[in-house]
């Protein structure tokens, strides 16, 4: 902390002349400390004419009274804030560190980046990418991955509330949140092990869509993929809700859909109206299995099942 005295003028009673000097001093004490009354009592500045001694702070703003050895009293202005200034021990935020501010927080000591404020304390810190904010996106550095149907997508509602909302990838695929009457195509590939066990274990081709939903099939297509060994035996295939226990949508699909090489099968849905309990249809998936009594054997190819369907809410 450096302080300076502009000049001393003769102001004592009866004096016709007095010292006129410049005085400078420095100390490591804080501004609050040197501003206290009586701080300068023991500090002297030797000049050509007299020793000048600081006695005490005056009642005036930014002034100190000075007394010389011969008893003359003079007043001078000093370059330091008055007692009404901000205290140096407050919790300031500065650009760079200052030794005069013991409780400061210097921004220069933080890592380069966005600032994060801490509630209640007001302490600043460097925000963390990926934790405090979304990392910057670059098309050149992004890795392409397949979205899952239950992944969330952020959308903005501009019709009324202007709020941010979420929906799922499946809802976008269905073109409306939750799905309601928009067609979706789904491909399911049956492995060789699944084909060989279709008589005992149905395979889901469209999973259940949730409470109060009903899957309505528009079309079904089967495509056998030959490997090196033909399937033999087997029986007619069926596609129905809830496996063995539900209502069939397609029946009597010929076994050649599996045993034939490079065959595409276009089954037709049942041509009658089903009047059944909700429990047989609502929130039920669609399955394929062998509806006859004979199991497929020996083959090692796969079977692709394409379903075009819509989901309605009951």
Protein backbone atom coordinates (compact mmCIF):
# COMPACT_ATOMS: atom_id res chain seq x y z
CA UNK A 1 0.00 0.00 0.00
CA UNK A 2 1.53 3.35 -1.05
CA UNK A 3 0.32 6.69 0.20
CA UNK A 4 1.41 10.24 -0.68
CA UNK A 5 1.12 13.72 0.80
CA UNK A 6 0.48 16.49 -1.70
CA UNK A 7 1.81 19.46 0.25
CA UNK A 8 1.92 21.06 3.68
CA UNK A 9 0.80 24.63 4.04
CA UNK A 10 1.19 26.92 7.03
CA UNK A 11 -2.20 27.06 8.77
CA UNK A 12 -1.16 27.61 12.41
CA UNK A 13 -2.29 30.67 14.34
CA UNK A 14 0.12 33.61 14.02
CA UNK A 15 2.41 31.92 11.57
CA UNK A 16 3.42 33.79 8.46
CA UNK A 17 5.30 31.00 6.78
CA UNK A 18 5.65 27.27 7.04
CA UNK A 19 7.02 24.19 5.31
CA UNK A 20 5.88 23.30 1.84
CA UNK A 21 6.95 19.76 0.91
CA UNK A 22 6.06 16.53 -0.87
CA UNK A 23 6.05 13.39 1.25
CA UNK A 24 5.71 9.72 0.24
CA UNK A 25 5.59 6.50 2.18
CA UNK A 26 4.80 2.80 1.75
CA UNK A 27 3.68 -0.04 3.97
CA UNK A 28 2.53 -3.66 3.62
CA UNK A 29 -0.45 -3.00 5.88
CA UNK A 30 -3.92 -3.02 4.39
CA UNK A 31 -5.87 0.08 3.42
CA UNK A 32 -8.33 -0.56 6.28
CA UNK A 33 -5.43 -0.62 8.77
CA UNK A 34 -3.70 2.58 7.66
CA UNK A 35 -7.03 4.41 7.56
CA UNK A 36 -7.51 4.00 11.31
CA UNK A 37 -7.11 7.06 13.54
CA UNK A 38 -3.62 7.22 15.10
CA UNK A 39 -1.96 4.84 12.65
CA UNK A 40 0.58 7.50 11.51
CA UNK A 41 1.47 8.78 15.02
CA UNK A 42 4.95 7.22 15.02
CA UNK A 43 5.87 7.70 11.36
CA UNK A 44 8.18 10.63 10.51
CA UNK A 45 9.33 12.12 7.23
CA UNK A 46 12.59 14.12 7.40
CA UNK A 47 12.59 17.19 5.19
CA UNK A 48 14.87 20.18 4.77
CA UNK A 49 13.21 22.42 7.33
CA UNK A 50 11.37 20.38 9.96
CA UNK A 51 10.51 16.84 11.07
CA UNK A 52 6.84 16.35 10.34
CA UNK A 53 4.89 13.85 12.45
CA UNK A 54 1.46 12.45 11.52
CA UNK A 55 -0.74 12.76 14.57
CA UNK A 56 -4.26 11.58 13.75
CA UNK A 57 -6.95 11.49 11.10
CA UNK A 58 -8.90 14.68 10.75
CA UNK A 59 -12.63 15.05 10.71
CA UNK A 60 -12.49 15.98 7.04
CA UNK A 61 -12.75 13.47 4.26
CA UNK A 62 -9.45 12.10 2.93
CA UNK A 63 -7.28 14.31 5.17
CA UNK A 64 -4.80 13.84 8.02
CA UNK A 65 -3.58 16.41 10.55
CA UNK A 66 0.19 16.91 10.70
CA UNK A 67 2.20 18.53 13.50
CA UNK A 68 5.77 19.78 13.13
CA UNK A 69 8.44 19.70 15.85
CA UNK A 70 8.05 23.45 16.42
CA UNK A 71 4.37 23.03 17.19
CA UNK A 72 2.89 24.23 13.98
CA UNK A 73 -0.28 22.38 12.94
CA UNK A 74 -0.91 21.91 9.25
CA UNK A 75 -3.44 19.95 7.22
CA UNK A 76 -2.83 18.05 4.01
CA UNK A 77 -4.81 15.93 1.54
CA UNK A 78 -3.76 12.30 1.09
CA UNK A 79 -4.50 9.85 -1.72
CA UNK A 80 -6.49 7.16 -0.02
CA UNK A 81 -10.21 6.48 0.39
CA UNK A 82 -12.12 7.92 3.30
CA UNK A 83 -13.38 5.74 6.15
CA UNK A 84 -16.65 5.32 4.24
CA UNK A 85 -15.01 3.23 1.45
CA UNK A 86 -15.65 -0.47 0.82
CA UNK A 87 -13.73 -2.77 3.19
CA UNK A 88 -10.78 -4.66 1.74
CA UNK A 89 -11.79 -7.90 3.48
CA UNK A 90 -15.05 -8.27 1.54
CA UNK A 91 -15.40 -11.24 -0.81
CA UNK A 92 -14.62 -9.46 -4.08
CA UNK A 93 -14.37 -11.10 -7.49
CA UNK A 94 -11.41 -9.66 -9.41
CA UNK A 95 -9.83 -10.29 -12.77
CA UNK A 96 -6.37 -10.88 -11.29
CA UNK A 97 -5.13 -11.51 -7.75
CA UNK A 98 -4.40 -8.56 -5.39
CA UNK A 99 -2.46 -8.84 -2.12
CA UNK A 100 -4.60 -6.04 -0.63
CA UNK A 101 -7.77 -8.14 -0.86
CA UNK A 102 -7.36 -11.22 1.36
CA UNK A 103 -10.82 -12.67 0.61
CA UNK A 104 -10.95 -12.05 -3.12
CA UNK A 105 -11.54 -14.65 -5.81
CA UNK A 106 -9.39 -13.98 -8.86
CA UNK A 107 -10.89 -15.13 -12.16
CA UNK A 108 -7.38 -15.49 -13.60
CA UNK A 109 -6.87 -18.53 -11.34
CA UNK A 110 -9.79 -20.45 -12.91
CA UNK A 111 -9.47 -22.62 -15.98
CA UNK A 112 -10.51 -21.09 -19.29
CA UNK A 113 -14.18 -21.77 -20.04
CA UNK A 114 -17.72 -21.00 -18.91
CA UNK A 115 -18.31 -19.72 -15.37
CA UNK A 116 -20.55 -21.60 -12.94
CA UNK A 117 -22.12 -19.81 -9.97
CA UNK A 118 -22.73 -21.69 -6.70
CA UNK A 119 -25.99 -20.82 -4.98
CA UNK A 120 -25.85 -19.26 -1.47
CA UNK A 121 -22.05 -18.83 -1.48
CA UNK A 122 -21.74 -17.04 -4.81
CA UNK A 123 -18.41 -18.79 -5.43
CA UNK A 124 -17.50 -19.06 -9.10
CA UNK A 125 -15.97 -22.12 -10.71
CA UNK A 126 -15.27 -23.42 -14.20
CA UNK A 127 -18.28 -25.28 -15.60
CA UNK A 128 -17.66 -28.89 -16.65
CA UNK A 129 -18.53 -29.96 -20.18
CA UNK A 130 -20.98 -32.85 -20.20
CA UNK A 131 -21.99 -32.18 -16.57
CA UNK A 132 -22.98 -28.52 -16.39
CA UNK A 133 -23.71 -28.01 -20.08
CA UNK A 134 -24.08 -29.95 -23.32
CA UNK A 135 -20.68 -30.36 -25.02
CA UNK A 136 -20.34 -28.57 -28.37
CA UNK A 137 -21.45 -30.78 -31.25
CA UNK A 138 -19.46 -31.22 -34.42
CA UNK A 139 -20.74 -33.20 -37.36
CA UNK A 140 -17.22 -34.28 -38.19
CA UNK A 141 -16.60 -35.83 -34.77
CA UNK A 142 -19.99 -37.44 -34.08
CA UNK A 143 -20.24 -41.22 -34.14
CA UNK A 144 -23.34 -42.57 -35.88
CA UNK A 145 -25.28 -45.06 -33.77
CA UNK A 146 -28.72 -46.60 -34.13
CA UNK A 147 -31.34 -45.00 -31.89
CA UNK A 148 -33.37 -47.27 -29.63
CA UNK A 149 -37.14 -46.91 -29.77
CA UNK A 150 -37.27 -45.82 -26.11
CA UNK A 151 -34.54 -43.16 -26.52
CA UNK A 152 -35.73 -39.65 -25.67
CA UNK A 153 -35.96 -36.72 -28.09
CA UNK A 154 -36.19 -33.09 -26.88
CA UNK A 155 -38.85 -30.95 -28.57
CA UNK A 156 -40.14 -27.41 -28.02
CA UNK A 157 -43.84 -26.73 -27.59
CA UNK A 158 -44.51 -23.45 -29.42
CA UNK A 159 -48.30 -23.76 -29.52
CA UNK A 160 -49.03 -22.53 -26.00
CA UNK A 161 -46.56 -22.99 -23.15
CA UNK A 162 -43.29 -22.68 -25.10
CA UNK A 163 -41.90 -25.38 -22.79
CA UNK A 164 -39.36 -28.05 -23.64
CA UNK A 165 -40.82 -31.55 -23.68
CA UNK A 166 -39.64 -35.05 -24.52
CA UNK A 167 -40.94 -37.85 -26.68
CA UNK A 168 -39.51 -41.22 -27.70
CA UNK A 169 -37.96 -42.36 -30.95
CA UNK A 170 -40.82 -44.84 -31.31
CA UNK A 171 -43.32 -41.99 -31.10
CA UNK A 172 -41.47 -40.16 -33.84
CA UNK A 173 -41.45 -43.32 -35.93
CA UNK A 174 -45.20 -43.45 -35.41
CA UNK A 175 -45.31 -39.74 -36.29
CA UNK A 176 -47.42 -38.87 -33.26
CA UNK A 177 -46.65 -39.11 -29.52
CA UNK A 178 -47.71 -42.51 -28.26
CA UNK A 179 -48.81 -43.72 -31.68
CA UNK A 180 -52.38 -43.64 -33.02
CA UNK A 181 -53.17 -44.99 -36.44
CA UNK A 182 -49.87 -44.40 -38.27
CA UNK A 183 -48.36 -47.44 -40.00
CA UNK A 184 -44.99 -48.81 -38.95
CA UNK A 185 -42.91 -51.55 -40.57
CA UNK A 186 -40.91 -53.93 -38.40
CA UNK A 187 -38.52 -56.69 -39.48
CA UNK A 188 -37.80 -59.69 -37.25
CA UNK A 189 -35.26 -62.35 -38.22
CA UNK A 190 -35.78 -65.86 -36.89
CA UNK A 191 -32.57 -67.79 -36.31
CA UNK A 192 -32.15 -71.44 -37.25
CA UNK A 193 -32.51 -72.46 -33.60
CA UNK A 194 -35.81 -70.57 -33.36
CA UNK A 195 -37.16 -72.09 -36.57
CA UNK A 196 -36.31 -75.62 -35.39
CA UNK A 197 -38.25 -74.98 -32.14
CA UNK A 198 -41.29 -73.10 -33.51
CA UNK A 199 -43.59 -75.96 -32.61
CA UNK A 200 -42.82 -75.45 -28.91
CA UNK A 201 -41.75 -71.83 -28.60
CA UNK A 202 -43.51 -68.92 -30.38
CA UNK A 203 -41.31 -65.99 -31.46
CA UNK A 204 -42.46 -62.38 -30.98
CA UNK A 205 -42.59 -60.38 -34.22
CA UNK A 206 -44.21 -57.21 -32.82
CA UNK A 207 -43.78 -56.52 -29.10
CA UNK A 208 -46.67 -55.33 -26.95
CA UNK A 209 -47.09 -51.55 -27.22
CA UNK A 210 -48.23 -50.75 -23.68
CA UNK A 211 -51.39 -50.38 -21.64
CA UNK A 212 -54.62 -49.72 -23.56
CA UNK A 213 -52.99 -50.26 -26.95
CA UNK A 214 -53.97 -52.64 -29.73
CA UNK A 215 -51.78 -53.74 -32.65
CA UNK A 216 -53.59 -54.00 -35.99
CA UNK A 217 -51.69 -55.70 -38.81
CA UNK A 218 -51.95 -54.32 -42.34
CA UNK A 219 -49.69 -56.86 -44.05
CA UNK A 220 -47.36 -59.77 -43.33
CA UNK A 221 -44.46 -60.91 -45.54
CA UNK A 222 -42.13 -63.87 -45.00
CA UNK A 223 -38.74 -64.19 -46.73
CA UNK A 224 -36.70 -67.38 -46.31
CA UNK A 225 -32.93 -66.92 -46.38
CA UNK A 226 -31.21 -70.14 -47.56
CA UNK A 227 -27.84 -71.00 -46.04
CA UNK A 228 -26.53 -74.43 -47.06
CA UNK A 229 -29.10 -76.99 -45.85
CA UNK A 230 -32.81 -77.06 -46.64
CA UNK A 231 -35.36 -77.34 -43.86
CA UNK A 232 -37.58 -80.41 -43.95
CA UNK A 233 -40.84 -81.39 -42.29
CA UNK A 234 -42.58 -78.73 -40.33
CA UNK A 235 -46.17 -77.64 -40.47
CA UNK A 236 -48.37 -74.69 -41.23
CA UNK A 237 -47.42 -71.40 -39.56
CA UNK A 238 -49.71 -69.04 -37.62
CA UNK A 239 -49.40 -65.43 -36.42
CA UNK A 240 -51.52 -64.48 -33.42
CA UNK A 241 -51.77 -62.27 -30.35
CA UNK A 242 -50.11 -63.57 -27.19
CA UNK A 243 -48.67 -66.74 -28.69
CA UNK A 244 -50.61 -69.97 -28.32
CA UNK A 245 -53.35 -68.40 -26.18
CA UNK A 246 -54.41 -65.42 -28.34
CA UNK A 247 -56.53 -64.81 -31.38
CA UNK A 248 -54.96 -65.71 -34.72
CA UNK A 249 -54.52 -63.00 -37.36
CA UNK A 250 -53.00 -65.33 -39.99
CA UNK A 251 -53.40 -69.09 -40.22
CA UNK A 252 -52.48 -71.91 -42.57
CA UNK A 253 -49.27 -70.26 -43.82
CA UNK A 254 -47.68 -73.12 -45.80
CA UNK A 255 -44.52 -74.81 -44.51
CA UNK A 256 -42.88 -74.05 -47.85
CA UNK A 257 -42.39 -70.48 -46.54
CA UNK A 258 -39.55 -72.09 -44.54
CA UNK A 259 -38.56 -75.21 -46.51
CA UNK A 260 -38.37 -73.57 -49.93
CA UNK A 261 -35.25 -71.79 -51.20
CA UNK A 262 -35.45 -68.08 -52.07
CA UNK A 263 -39.19 -67.95 -51.40
CA UNK A 264 -41.26 -64.90 -50.46
CA UNK A 265 -44.65 -65.58 -48.92
CA UNK A 266 -47.55 -63.09 -48.77
CA UNK A 267 -50.13 -64.52 -46.36
CA UNK A 268 -53.65 -63.09 -46.25
CA UNK A 269 -55.31 -62.12 -42.97
CA UNK A 270 -58.33 -64.01 -41.76
CA UNK A 271 -61.51 -62.82 -43.49
CA UNK A 272 -63.82 -62.60 -40.52
CA UNK A 273 -64.51 -60.27 -37.60
CA UNK A 274 -63.15 -61.26 -34.20
CA UNK A 275 -65.26 -60.43 -31.17
CA UNK A 276 -63.17 -61.36 -28.17
CA UNK A 277 -62.24 -60.19 -24.70
CA UNK A 278 -59.87 -57.24 -24.23
CA UNK A 279 -57.48 -59.57 -22.43
CA UNK A 280 -56.83 -61.46 -25.70
CA UNK A 281 -55.79 -58.36 -27.67
CA UNK A 282 -55.03 -55.24 -25.59
CA UNK A 283 -51.38 -54.78 -24.65
CA UNK A 284 -50.48 -58.05 -26.37
CA UNK A 285 -47.61 -58.73 -28.73
CA UNK A 286 -47.84 -60.69 -32.01
CA UNK A 287 -46.10 -64.06 -32.30
CA UNK A 288 -45.34 -66.61 -35.02
CA UNK A 289 -45.17 -70.37 -34.46
CA UNK A 290 -45.88 -73.75 -36.07
CA UNK A 291 -49.58 -74.40 -35.70
CA UNK A 292 -49.45 -78.03 -36.84
CA UNK A 293 -47.98 -81.09 -35.16
CA UNK A 294 -44.68 -81.48 -36.99
CA UNK A 295 -41.44 -79.66 -36.20
CA UNK A 296 -39.04 -78.32 -38.84
CA UNK A 297 -35.77 -80.25 -39.07
CA UNK A 298 -32.20 -80.23 -40.47
CA UNK A 299 -32.15 -76.73 -41.98
CA UNK A 300 -29.68 -73.94 -41.09
CA UNK A 301 -31.11 -70.85 -42.85
CA UNK A 302 -33.06 -67.93 -41.35
CA UNK A 303 -36.54 -66.47 -41.85
CA UNK A 304 -37.22 -62.72 -42.15
CA UNK A 305 -40.69 -61.66 -41.01
CA UNK A 306 -41.88 -58.22 -42.17
CA UNK A 307 -44.95 -56.76 -40.44
CA UNK A 308 -46.70 -53.52 -41.33
CA UNK A 309 -48.96 -52.46 -38.49
CA UNK A 310 -50.63 -49.61 -36.71
CA UNK A 311 -51.20 -49.02 -33.00
CA UNK A 312 -54.45 -47.64 -31.68
CA UNK A 313 -55.37 -46.64 -28.15
CA UNK A 314 -58.41 -48.37 -26.67
